[in-house]
Amino acid sequence: MTNGFSDPPQLDALFAATYEDLRRLAALVKRNHKSATLNPTALVHEGWLKISGPRGVSAVSELHFKRIAAKAMRQVLIDDARRRKISKRRGPDGVLLTTDFSQEPMNVSEDELIALDLSLDKLTSMNPRQAAMVESRFFGGLEIAEIGELLGISEATVLRDWRVAKAWLAQEVRKI
């Protein structure tokens, strides 16, 4: 992108400028989770490793960068959940996800997190905008206004899409 942040020094500066926000967002995902293998700092850093890899990314704005970081953190959480599931470690070590705009977290097991990921992939093929909105909210902790700005839609549309997507995802996750 010619008018975005695409070279490594620019991305490094963007990461540094958004680091505290990303850490806060990661803390929402993992709040009060004492036995988690990834703490908020590790989640942000693992996400950054995905973003800054050989392929690199191109961000248009800080908000767009946060969206990219949300996607990377989603991938890190899913990979971590799959590793834990494969190692057969069970117990109360779920992941906390924000599932409502009130930012009240709910406890989600590795199986549920993997089911959510599969369902979100399915939603992406049916309604990419809703999937981007859900991903930004679940894994990026973006606010209503930020999501509206990022996707170019009104806050009322974000809320409406959220209700529809949340209901669809709840039904879909139960099937898996």
N, C-alpha and C. Protein backbone atom coordinates (compact mmCIF):
# COMPACT_ATOMS: atom_id res chain seq x y z
N MET A 1 0.85 -1.18 0.00
CA MET A 1 0.00 0.00 0.00
C MET A 1 0.88 1.23 0.00
N THR A 2 0.56 2.15 -0.81
CA THR A 2 1.39 3.33 -0.91
C THR A 2 1.11 4.35 0.17
N ASN A 3 -0.12 4.43 0.66
CA ASN A 3 -0.43 5.43 1.66
C ASN A 3 -0.61 4.82 3.05
N GLY A 4 -0.22 3.56 3.23
CA GLY A 4 -0.39 2.90 4.52
C GLY A 4 0.94 2.70 5.21
N PHE A 5 0.90 1.86 6.23
CA PHE A 5 2.09 1.51 6.98
C PHE A 5 2.49 0.13 6.51
N SER A 6 3.49 0.04 5.65
CA SER A 6 3.82 -1.27 5.10
C SER A 6 5.28 -1.66 5.27
N ASP A 7 6.16 -0.72 5.56
CA ASP A 7 7.55 -1.15 5.73
C ASP A 7 7.82 -1.41 7.21
N PRO A 8 8.82 -2.25 7.50
CA PRO A 8 9.08 -2.66 8.89
C PRO A 8 9.23 -1.51 9.89
N PRO A 9 9.98 -0.44 9.59
CA PRO A 9 10.07 0.64 10.60
C PRO A 9 8.71 1.30 10.90
N GLN A 10 7.89 1.45 9.87
CA GLN A 10 6.57 2.04 10.09
C GLN A 10 5.69 1.11 10.92
N LEU A 11 5.74 -0.19 10.63
CA LEU A 11 4.96 -1.16 11.40
C LEU A 11 5.45 -1.24 12.84
N ASP A 12 6.77 -1.17 13.03
CA ASP A 12 7.31 -1.16 14.39
C ASP A 12 6.80 0.04 15.17
N ALA A 13 6.78 1.19 14.53
CA ALA A 13 6.29 2.41 15.19
C ALA A 13 4.80 2.28 15.49
N LEU A 14 4.05 1.71 14.57
CA LEU A 14 2.61 1.51 14.77
C LEU A 14 2.36 0.53 15.92
N PHE A 15 3.15 -0.53 15.98
CA PHE A 15 3.03 -1.49 17.07
C PHE A 15 3.34 -0.81 18.41
N ALA A 16 4.40 -0.03 18.44
CA ALA A 16 4.76 0.68 19.68
C ALA A 16 3.66 1.65 20.10
N ALA A 17 3.06 2.32 19.14
CA ALA A 17 2.00 3.30 19.45
C ALA A 17 0.73 2.63 19.95
N THR A 18 0.47 1.40 19.51
CA THR A 18 -0.77 0.71 19.88
C THR A 18 -0.55 -0.38 20.93
N TYR A 19 0.69 -0.55 21.38
CA TYR A 19 1.03 -1.66 22.27
C TYR A 19 0.14 -1.70 23.51
N GLU A 20 0.01 -0.60 24.21
CA GLU A 20 -0.78 -0.59 25.45
C GLU A 20 -2.24 -0.92 25.18
N ASP A 21 -2.79 -0.40 24.07
CA ASP A 21 -4.17 -0.74 23.70
C ASP A 21 -4.29 -2.24 23.41
N LEU A 22 -3.35 -2.78 22.67
CA LEU A 22 -3.38 -4.21 22.34
C LEU A 22 -3.26 -5.06 23.60
N ARG A 23 -2.42 -4.64 24.53
CA ARG A 23 -2.27 -5.37 25.78
C ARG A 23 -3.56 -5.33 26.60
N ARG A 24 -4.21 -4.16 26.60
CA ARG A 24 -5.49 -4.02 27.30
C ARG A 24 -6.53 -4.94 26.67
N LEU A 25 -6.54 -4.98 25.34
CA LEU A 25 -7.50 -5.84 24.64
C LEU A 25 -7.22 -7.31 24.92
N ALA A 26 -5.95 -7.67 24.93
CA ALA A 26 -5.58 -9.06 25.23
C ALA A 26 -5.97 -9.41 26.67
N ALA A 27 -5.87 -8.45 27.56
CA ALA A 27 -6.25 -8.70 28.96
C ALA A 27 -7.75 -8.98 29.06
N LEU A 28 -8.55 -8.34 28.21
CA LEU A 28 -9.98 -8.63 28.20
C LEU A 28 -10.24 -10.08 27.81
N VAL A 29 -9.44 -10.57 26.89
CA VAL A 29 -9.60 -11.94 26.43
C VAL A 29 -9.18 -12.93 27.52
N LYS A 30 -8.18 -12.62 28.26
CA LYS A 30 -7.60 -13.56 29.22
C LYS A 30 -7.78 -13.15 30.70
N ARG A 31 -8.68 -12.23 30.98
CA ARG A 31 -8.84 -11.67 32.33
C ARG A 31 -9.07 -12.76 33.38
N ASN A 32 -8.35 -12.61 34.48
CA ASN A 32 -8.50 -13.49 35.65
C ASN A 32 -8.30 -14.97 35.33
N HIS A 33 -7.47 -15.27 34.38
CA HIS A 33 -7.26 -16.66 33.98
C HIS A 33 -5.87 -17.09 34.45
N LYS A 34 -5.79 -17.57 35.68
CA LYS A 34 -4.51 -17.84 36.33
C LYS A 34 -3.73 -19.00 35.72
N SER A 35 -4.41 -20.00 35.17
CA SER A 35 -3.70 -21.17 34.66
C SER A 35 -3.48 -21.13 33.14
N ALA A 36 -3.78 -20.01 32.52
CA ALA A 36 -3.61 -19.91 31.06
C ALA A 36 -2.13 -20.00 30.69
N THR A 37 -1.87 -20.57 29.54
CA THR A 37 -0.49 -20.68 29.10
C THR A 37 -0.02 -19.38 28.45
N LEU A 38 -0.93 -18.56 28.02
CA LEU A 38 -0.57 -17.28 27.42
C LEU A 38 -1.15 -16.14 28.25
N ASN A 39 -0.29 -15.29 28.79
CA ASN A 39 -0.79 -14.11 29.47
C ASN A 39 -0.99 -13.00 28.43
N PRO A 40 -1.61 -11.87 28.79
CA PRO A 40 -1.87 -10.82 27.79
C PRO A 40 -0.62 -10.37 27.04
N THR A 41 0.50 -10.22 27.75
CA THR A 41 1.73 -9.79 27.08
C THR A 41 2.17 -10.82 26.06
N ALA A 42 2.15 -12.09 26.45
CA ALA A 42 2.55 -13.15 25.52
C ALA A 42 1.62 -13.20 24.32
N LEU A 43 0.32 -13.02 24.56
CA LEU A 43 -0.65 -13.03 23.46
C LEU A 43 -0.36 -11.92 22.46
N VAL A 44 -0.09 -10.71 22.97
CA VAL A 44 0.23 -9.58 22.08
C VAL A 44 1.53 -9.87 21.33
N HIS A 45 2.53 -10.38 22.03
CA HIS A 45 3.82 -10.63 21.38
C HIS A 45 3.72 -11.74 20.34
N GLU A 46 3.00 -12.82 20.66
CA GLU A 46 2.80 -13.89 19.68
C GLU A 46 2.04 -13.36 18.46
N GLY A 47 1.03 -12.53 18.71
CA GLY A 47 0.30 -11.90 17.60
C GLY A 47 1.22 -11.05 16.74
N TRP A 48 2.11 -10.30 17.40
CA TRP A 48 3.05 -9.44 16.67
C TRP A 48 3.99 -10.29 15.81
N LEU A 49 4.42 -11.44 16.34
CA LEU A 49 5.29 -12.31 15.54
C LEU A 49 4.58 -12.78 14.27
N LYS A 50 3.28 -13.05 14.38
CA LYS A 50 2.51 -13.44 13.19
C LYS A 50 2.43 -12.28 12.20
N ILE A 51 2.17 -11.08 12.72
CA ILE A 51 2.01 -9.90 11.87
C ILE A 51 3.31 -9.52 11.19
N SER A 52 4.40 -9.57 11.94
CA SER A 52 5.67 -9.06 11.43
C SER A 52 6.51 -10.11 10.73
N GLY A 53 5.91 -11.27 10.47
CA GLY A 53 6.63 -12.36 9.81
C GLY A 53 7.09 -11.98 8.41
N PRO A 54 7.59 -12.96 7.68
CA PRO A 54 8.15 -12.71 6.36
C PRO A 54 7.16 -12.09 5.36
N ARG A 55 5.87 -12.45 5.49
CA ARG A 55 4.87 -11.88 4.58
C ARG A 55 4.59 -10.43 4.91
N GLY A 56 4.68 -10.08 6.17
CA GLY A 56 4.39 -8.72 6.60
C GLY A 56 2.93 -8.37 6.39
N VAL A 57 2.58 -7.17 6.79
CA VAL A 57 1.22 -6.68 6.61
C VAL A 57 1.29 -5.24 6.13
N SER A 58 0.16 -4.76 5.71
CA SER A 58 0.06 -3.37 5.31
C SER A 58 -1.17 -2.79 5.98
N ALA A 59 -0.98 -1.86 6.89
CA ALA A 59 -2.08 -1.25 7.62
C ALA A 59 -2.30 0.17 7.13
N VAL A 60 -3.56 0.57 7.06
CA VAL A 60 -3.92 1.90 6.58
C VAL A 60 -3.95 2.90 7.74
N SER A 61 -4.33 2.43 8.94
CA SER A 61 -4.46 3.30 10.10
C SER A 61 -4.22 2.49 11.36
N GLU A 62 -4.19 3.17 12.51
CA GLU A 62 -4.05 2.46 13.78
C GLU A 62 -5.23 1.52 13.99
N LEU A 63 -6.43 1.97 13.65
CA LEU A 63 -7.62 1.14 13.81
C LEU A 63 -7.53 -0.11 12.94
N HIS A 64 -7.08 0.05 11.71
CA HIS A 64 -6.90 -1.10 10.82
C HIS A 64 -5.84 -2.04 11.38
N PHE A 65 -4.78 -1.48 11.94
CA PHE A 65 -3.73 -2.29 12.55
C PHE A 65 -4.30 -3.10 13.71
N LYS A 66 -5.17 -2.49 14.52
CA LYS A 66 -5.79 -3.22 15.63
C LYS A 66 -6.63 -4.38 15.11
N ARG A 67 -7.29 -4.19 13.99
CA ARG A 67 -8.10 -5.25 13.36
C ARG A 67 -7.19 -6.40 12.94
N ILE A 68 -6.06 -6.06 12.34
CA ILE A 68 -5.09 -7.08 11.93
C ILE A 68 -4.55 -7.81 13.16
N ALA A 69 -4.28 -7.05 14.22
CA ALA A 69 -3.79 -7.65 15.47
C ALA A 69 -4.84 -8.57 16.08
N ALA A 70 -6.11 -8.19 16.00
CA ALA A 70 -7.18 -9.04 16.52
C ALA A 70 -7.20 -10.38 15.80
N LYS A 71 -7.05 -10.33 14.49
CA LYS A 71 -7.02 -11.57 13.71
C LYS A 71 -5.81 -12.43 14.10
N ALA A 72 -4.67 -11.80 14.29
CA ALA A 72 -3.47 -12.54 14.69
C ALA A 72 -3.64 -13.15 16.07
N MET A 73 -4.22 -12.40 17.01
CA MET A 73 -4.43 -12.93 18.36
C MET A 73 -5.44 -14.07 18.34
N ARG A 74 -6.43 -13.98 17.46
CA ARG A 74 -7.38 -15.10 17.30
C ARG A 74 -6.62 -16.35 16.89
N GLN A 75 -5.75 -16.22 15.89
CA GLN A 75 -4.99 -17.37 15.41
C GLN A 75 -4.09 -17.95 16.51
N VAL A 76 -3.49 -17.07 17.30
CA VAL A 76 -2.63 -17.53 18.40
C VAL A 76 -3.45 -18.29 19.43
N LEU A 77 -4.61 -17.76 19.80
CA LEU A 77 -5.47 -18.44 20.78
C LEU A 77 -5.95 -19.78 20.27
N ILE A 78 -6.34 -19.84 19.00
CA ILE A 78 -6.82 -21.10 18.44
C ILE A 78 -5.68 -22.12 18.39
N ASP A 79 -4.51 -21.69 17.95
CA ASP A 79 -3.36 -22.61 17.93
C ASP A 79 -3.04 -23.12 19.32
N ASP A 80 -3.09 -22.23 20.31
CA ASP A 80 -2.81 -22.62 21.68
C ASP A 80 -3.87 -23.59 22.20
N ALA A 81 -5.13 -23.33 21.89
CA ALA A 81 -6.21 -24.23 22.32
C ALA A 81 -6.05 -25.61 21.68
N ARG A 82 -5.68 -25.64 20.41
CA ARG A 82 -5.48 -26.93 19.74
C ARG A 82 -4.32 -27.70 20.36
N ARG A 83 -3.24 -26.98 20.68
CA ARG A 83 -2.09 -27.64 21.32
C ARG A 83 -2.49 -28.23 22.68
N ARG A 84 -3.24 -27.46 23.45
CA ARG A 84 -3.68 -27.95 24.76
C ARG A 84 -4.62 -29.13 24.61
N LYS A 85 -5.50 -29.07 23.61
CA LYS A 85 -6.43 -30.18 23.40
C LYS A 85 -5.68 -31.43 23.01
N ILE A 86 -4.71 -31.29 22.13
CA ILE A 86 -3.92 -32.43 21.69
C ILE A 86 -3.16 -33.04 22.85
N SER A 87 -2.65 -32.22 23.75
CA SER A 87 -1.89 -32.74 24.88
C SER A 87 -2.80 -33.30 25.96
N LYS A 88 -4.10 -33.24 25.72
CA LYS A 88 -5.11 -33.84 26.60
C LYS A 88 -5.13 -33.24 28.01
N ARG A 89 -4.64 -32.01 28.14
CA ARG A 89 -4.74 -31.37 29.44
C ARG A 89 -6.14 -30.81 29.57
N ARG A 90 -6.87 -31.30 30.51
CA ARG A 90 -8.24 -30.87 30.76
C ARG A 90 -8.30 -30.11 32.07
N GLY A 91 -9.46 -29.59 32.37
CA GLY A 91 -9.67 -28.93 33.65
C GLY A 91 -10.25 -27.55 33.46
N PRO A 92 -10.12 -26.72 34.47
CA PRO A 92 -10.77 -25.41 34.45
C PRO A 92 -9.97 -24.35 33.72
N ASP A 93 -9.15 -24.76 32.74
CA ASP A 93 -8.30 -23.77 32.09
C ASP A 93 -8.93 -23.28 30.78
N GLY A 94 -10.11 -22.71 30.87
CA GLY A 94 -10.77 -22.14 29.70
C GLY A 94 -10.19 -20.78 29.36
N VAL A 95 -10.68 -20.21 28.30
CA VAL A 95 -10.25 -18.89 27.84
C VAL A 95 -11.40 -17.93 28.09
N LEU A 96 -11.09 -16.74 28.55
CA LEU A 96 -12.13 -15.75 28.77
C LEU A 96 -12.27 -14.88 27.53
N LEU A 97 -13.49 -14.82 27.00
CA LEU A 97 -13.77 -14.01 25.82
C LEU A 97 -14.86 -13.01 26.14
N THR A 98 -14.73 -11.83 25.59
CA THR A 98 -15.78 -10.84 25.72
C THR A 98 -16.82 -11.15 24.67
N THR A 99 -18.05 -11.38 25.09
CA THR A 99 -19.09 -11.78 24.15
C THR A 99 -20.21 -10.77 24.05
N ASP A 100 -20.09 -9.66 24.72
CA ASP A 100 -21.14 -8.67 24.68
C ASP A 100 -20.47 -7.31 24.70
N PHE A 101 -21.19 -6.28 24.26
CA PHE A 101 -20.62 -4.95 24.25
C PHE A 101 -20.46 -4.38 25.64
N SER A 102 -21.01 -5.05 26.66
CA SER A 102 -20.80 -4.63 28.04
C SER A 102 -19.41 -5.05 28.52
N GLN A 103 -18.72 -5.85 27.72
CA GLN A 103 -17.38 -6.36 27.99
C GLN A 103 -17.34 -7.26 29.21
N GLU A 104 -18.44 -7.95 29.48
CA GLU A 104 -18.44 -8.96 30.53
C GLU A 104 -17.93 -10.25 29.91
N PRO A 105 -16.87 -10.84 30.47
CA PRO A 105 -16.30 -12.04 29.87
C PRO A 105 -17.11 -13.29 30.21
N MET A 106 -16.97 -14.30 29.35
CA MET A 106 -17.54 -15.60 29.66
C MET A 106 -16.43 -16.63 29.52
N ASN A 107 -16.51 -17.69 30.28
CA ASN A 107 -15.49 -18.73 30.24
C ASN A 107 -15.77 -19.66 29.07
N VAL A 108 -14.76 -19.90 28.25
CA VAL A 108 -14.89 -20.75 27.07
C VAL A 108 -13.80 -21.80 27.12
N SER A 109 -14.17 -23.06 26.96
CA SER A 109 -13.20 -24.15 26.96
C SER A 109 -12.46 -24.18 25.63
N GLU A 110 -11.41 -25.00 25.57
CA GLU A 110 -10.66 -25.15 24.32
C GLU A 110 -11.57 -25.67 23.20
N ASP A 111 -12.42 -26.65 23.53
CA ASP A 111 -13.34 -27.20 22.52
C ASP A 111 -14.28 -26.12 22.00
N GLU A 112 -14.80 -25.30 22.92
CA GLU A 112 -15.72 -24.23 22.50
C GLU A 112 -14.99 -23.17 21.68
N LEU A 113 -13.74 -22.88 22.04
CA LEU A 113 -12.96 -21.90 21.29
C LEU A 113 -12.70 -22.40 19.87
N ILE A 114 -12.38 -23.67 19.74
CA ILE A 114 -12.15 -24.26 18.42
C ILE A 114 -13.45 -24.28 17.62
N ALA A 115 -14.57 -24.62 18.29
CA ALA A 115 -15.88 -24.59 17.62
C ALA A 115 -16.23 -23.18 17.18
N LEU A 116 -15.90 -22.18 18.02
CA LEU A 116 -16.15 -20.79 17.65
C LEU A 116 -15.33 -20.41 16.42
N ASP A 117 -14.08 -20.84 16.38
CA ASP A 117 -13.23 -20.55 15.24
C ASP A 117 -13.80 -21.16 13.96
N LEU A 118 -14.23 -22.42 14.03
CA LEU A 118 -14.82 -23.07 12.85
C LEU A 118 -16.10 -22.36 12.42
N SER A 119 -16.91 -21.99 13.40
CA SER A 119 -18.16 -21.29 13.10
C SER A 119 -17.89 -19.91 12.51
N LEU A 120 -16.87 -19.25 13.03
CA LEU A 120 -16.52 -17.92 12.51
C LEU A 120 -16.01 -18.02 11.08
N ASP A 121 -15.28 -19.09 10.76
CA ASP A 121 -14.86 -19.32 9.37
C ASP A 121 -16.08 -19.50 8.46
N LYS A 122 -17.06 -20.25 8.94
CA LYS A 122 -18.29 -20.46 8.17
C LYS A 122 -19.04 -19.14 7.99
N LEU A 123 -19.12 -18.34 9.06
CA LEU A 123 -19.78 -17.04 8.96
C LEU A 123 -19.05 -16.14 7.97
N THR A 124 -17.73 -16.24 7.91
CA THR A 124 -16.95 -15.44 6.97
C THR A 124 -17.37 -15.72 5.53
N SER A 125 -17.65 -16.98 5.22
CA SER A 125 -18.06 -17.31 3.86
C SER A 125 -19.48 -16.84 3.56
N MET A 126 -20.31 -16.73 4.60
CA MET A 126 -21.70 -16.29 4.40
C MET A 126 -21.85 -14.77 4.50
N ASN A 127 -21.17 -14.16 5.47
CA ASN A 127 -21.32 -12.73 5.70
C ASN A 127 -20.00 -12.19 6.24
N PRO A 128 -19.08 -11.82 5.34
CA PRO A 128 -17.75 -11.38 5.76
C PRO A 128 -17.78 -10.17 6.70
N ARG A 129 -18.72 -9.26 6.50
CA ARG A 129 -18.79 -8.07 7.36
C ARG A 129 -19.13 -8.46 8.79
N GLN A 130 -20.11 -9.33 8.95
CA GLN A 130 -20.47 -9.76 10.31
C GLN A 130 -19.31 -10.52 10.95
N ALA A 131 -18.64 -11.34 10.18
CA ALA A 131 -17.51 -12.10 10.71
C ALA A 131 -16.39 -11.15 11.14
N ALA A 132 -16.10 -10.13 10.34
CA ALA A 132 -15.07 -9.15 10.70
C ALA A 132 -15.47 -8.40 11.97
N MET A 133 -16.76 -8.08 12.08
CA MET A 133 -17.25 -7.38 13.26
C MET A 133 -17.12 -8.26 14.51
N VAL A 134 -17.50 -9.53 14.41
CA VAL A 134 -17.42 -10.45 15.54
C VAL A 134 -15.96 -10.66 15.93
N GLU A 135 -15.11 -10.88 14.95
CA GLU A 135 -13.69 -11.09 15.24
C GLU A 135 -13.09 -9.86 15.91
N SER A 136 -13.44 -8.68 15.42
CA SER A 136 -12.92 -7.45 16.01
C SER A 136 -13.36 -7.32 17.46
N ARG A 137 -14.58 -7.75 17.74
CA ARG A 137 -15.12 -7.64 19.09
C ARG A 137 -14.59 -8.75 20.00
N PHE A 138 -14.69 -10.00 19.57
CA PHE A 138 -14.28 -11.13 20.41
C PHE A 138 -12.78 -11.12 20.68
N PHE A 139 -12.00 -10.97 19.63
CA PHE A 139 -10.56 -11.15 19.76
C PHE A 139 -9.79 -9.83 19.82
N GLY A 140 -10.43 -8.75 19.44
CA GLY A 140 -9.75 -7.46 19.46
C GLY A 140 -10.30 -6.49 20.48
N GLY A 141 -11.48 -6.79 21.03
CA GLY A 141 -12.07 -5.94 22.05
C GLY A 141 -12.40 -4.54 21.58
N LEU A 142 -12.59 -4.35 20.28
CA LEU A 142 -12.89 -3.02 19.77
C LEU A 142 -14.26 -2.55 20.24
N GLU A 143 -14.39 -1.26 20.41
CA GLU A 143 -15.65 -0.64 20.83
C GLU A 143 -16.60 -0.54 19.64
N ILE A 144 -17.87 -0.30 19.93
CA ILE A 144 -18.91 -0.19 18.90
C ILE A 144 -18.51 0.85 17.86
N ALA A 145 -18.14 2.03 18.32
CA ALA A 145 -17.79 3.11 17.40
C ALA A 145 -16.57 2.74 16.55
N GLU A 146 -15.59 2.07 17.15
CA GLU A 146 -14.40 1.66 16.41
C GLU A 146 -14.75 0.65 15.33
N ILE A 147 -15.61 -0.29 15.66
CA ILE A 147 -16.02 -1.29 14.68
C ILE A 147 -16.78 -0.63 13.54
N GLY A 148 -17.68 0.28 13.89
CA GLY A 148 -18.43 1.01 12.86
C GLY A 148 -17.50 1.78 11.93
N GLU A 149 -16.52 2.46 12.53
CA GLU A 149 -15.56 3.22 11.73
C GLU A 149 -14.72 2.29 10.85
N LEU A 150 -14.25 1.21 11.43
CA LEU A 150 -13.42 0.25 10.71
C LEU A 150 -14.16 -0.34 9.51
N LEU A 151 -15.44 -0.68 9.71
CA LEU A 151 -16.20 -1.35 8.66
C LEU A 151 -17.03 -0.38 7.82
N GLY A 152 -17.02 0.91 8.19
CA GLY A 152 -17.76 1.90 7.42
C GLY A 152 -19.27 1.76 7.56
N ILE A 153 -19.72 1.39 8.77
CA ILE A 153 -21.15 1.24 9.02
C ILE A 153 -21.53 2.00 10.28
N SER A 154 -22.81 2.23 10.47
CA SER A 154 -23.27 2.97 11.64
C SER A 154 -23.22 2.09 12.89
N GLU A 155 -23.26 2.75 14.05
CA GLU A 155 -23.27 2.00 15.30
C GLU A 155 -24.53 1.15 15.41
N ALA A 156 -25.66 1.67 14.90
CA ALA A 156 -26.91 0.91 14.92
C ALA A 156 -26.77 -0.37 14.10
N THR A 157 -26.09 -0.28 12.97
CA THR A 157 -25.87 -1.46 12.14
C THR A 157 -24.94 -2.44 12.84
N VAL A 158 -23.92 -1.94 13.52
CA VAL A 158 -23.02 -2.82 14.28
C VAL A 158 -23.83 -3.59 15.32
N LEU A 159 -24.67 -2.89 16.07
CA LEU A 159 -25.48 -3.54 17.11
C LEU A 159 -26.43 -4.57 16.51
N ARG A 160 -27.07 -4.21 15.40
CA ARG A 160 -28.00 -5.13 14.75
C ARG A 160 -27.26 -6.37 14.23
N ASP A 161 -26.15 -6.15 13.54
CA ASP A 161 -25.34 -7.27 13.04
C ASP A 161 -24.82 -8.12 14.19
N TRP A 162 -24.44 -7.47 15.29
CA TRP A 162 -23.94 -8.19 16.45
C TRP A 162 -24.99 -9.16 16.97
N ARG A 163 -26.23 -8.68 17.12
CA ARG A 163 -27.30 -9.54 17.63
C ARG A 163 -27.51 -10.74 16.71
N VAL A 164 -27.55 -10.49 15.41
CA VAL A 164 -27.77 -11.57 14.45
C VAL A 164 -26.60 -12.55 14.47
N ALA A 165 -25.38 -12.04 14.40
CA ALA A 165 -24.20 -12.89 14.37
C ALA A 165 -24.05 -13.68 15.67
N LYS A 166 -24.31 -13.04 16.79
CA LYS A 166 -24.19 -13.71 18.09
C LYS A 166 -25.19 -14.88 18.18
N ALA A 167 -26.41 -14.65 17.75
CA ALA A 167 -27.42 -15.71 17.78
C ALA A 167 -27.03 -16.84 16.83
N TRP A 168 -26.58 -16.50 15.63
CA TRP A 168 -26.18 -17.51 14.66
C TRP A 168 -25.00 -18.32 15.19
N LEU A 169 -23.98 -17.63 15.74
CA LEU A 169 -22.81 -18.32 16.26
C LEU A 169 -23.17 -19.24 17.43
N ALA A 170 -24.04 -18.79 18.31
CA ALA A 170 -24.45 -19.62 19.45
C ALA A 170 -25.09 -20.91 18.96
N GLN A 171 -25.94 -20.79 17.96
CA GLN A 171 -26.60 -21.98 17.39
C GLN A 171 -25.59 -22.87 16.69
N GLU A 172 -24.69 -22.27 15.94
CA GLU A 172 -23.70 -23.03 15.18
C GLU A 172 -22.71 -23.74 16.10
N VAL A 173 -22.26 -23.09 17.15
CA VAL A 173 -21.31 -23.69 18.08
C VAL A 173 -21.94 -24.90 18.77
N ARG A 174 -23.23 -24.83 19.06
CA ARG A 174 -23.91 -25.97 19.69
C ARG A 174 -23.93 -27.19 18.77
N LYS A 175 -23.94 -26.98 17.46
CA LYS A 175 -23.97 -28.10 16.51
C LYS A 175 -22.64 -28.85 16.46
N ILE A 176 -21.57 -28.13 16.73
CA ILE A 176 -20.23 -28.71 16.56
C ILE A 176 -19.85 -29.55 17.77
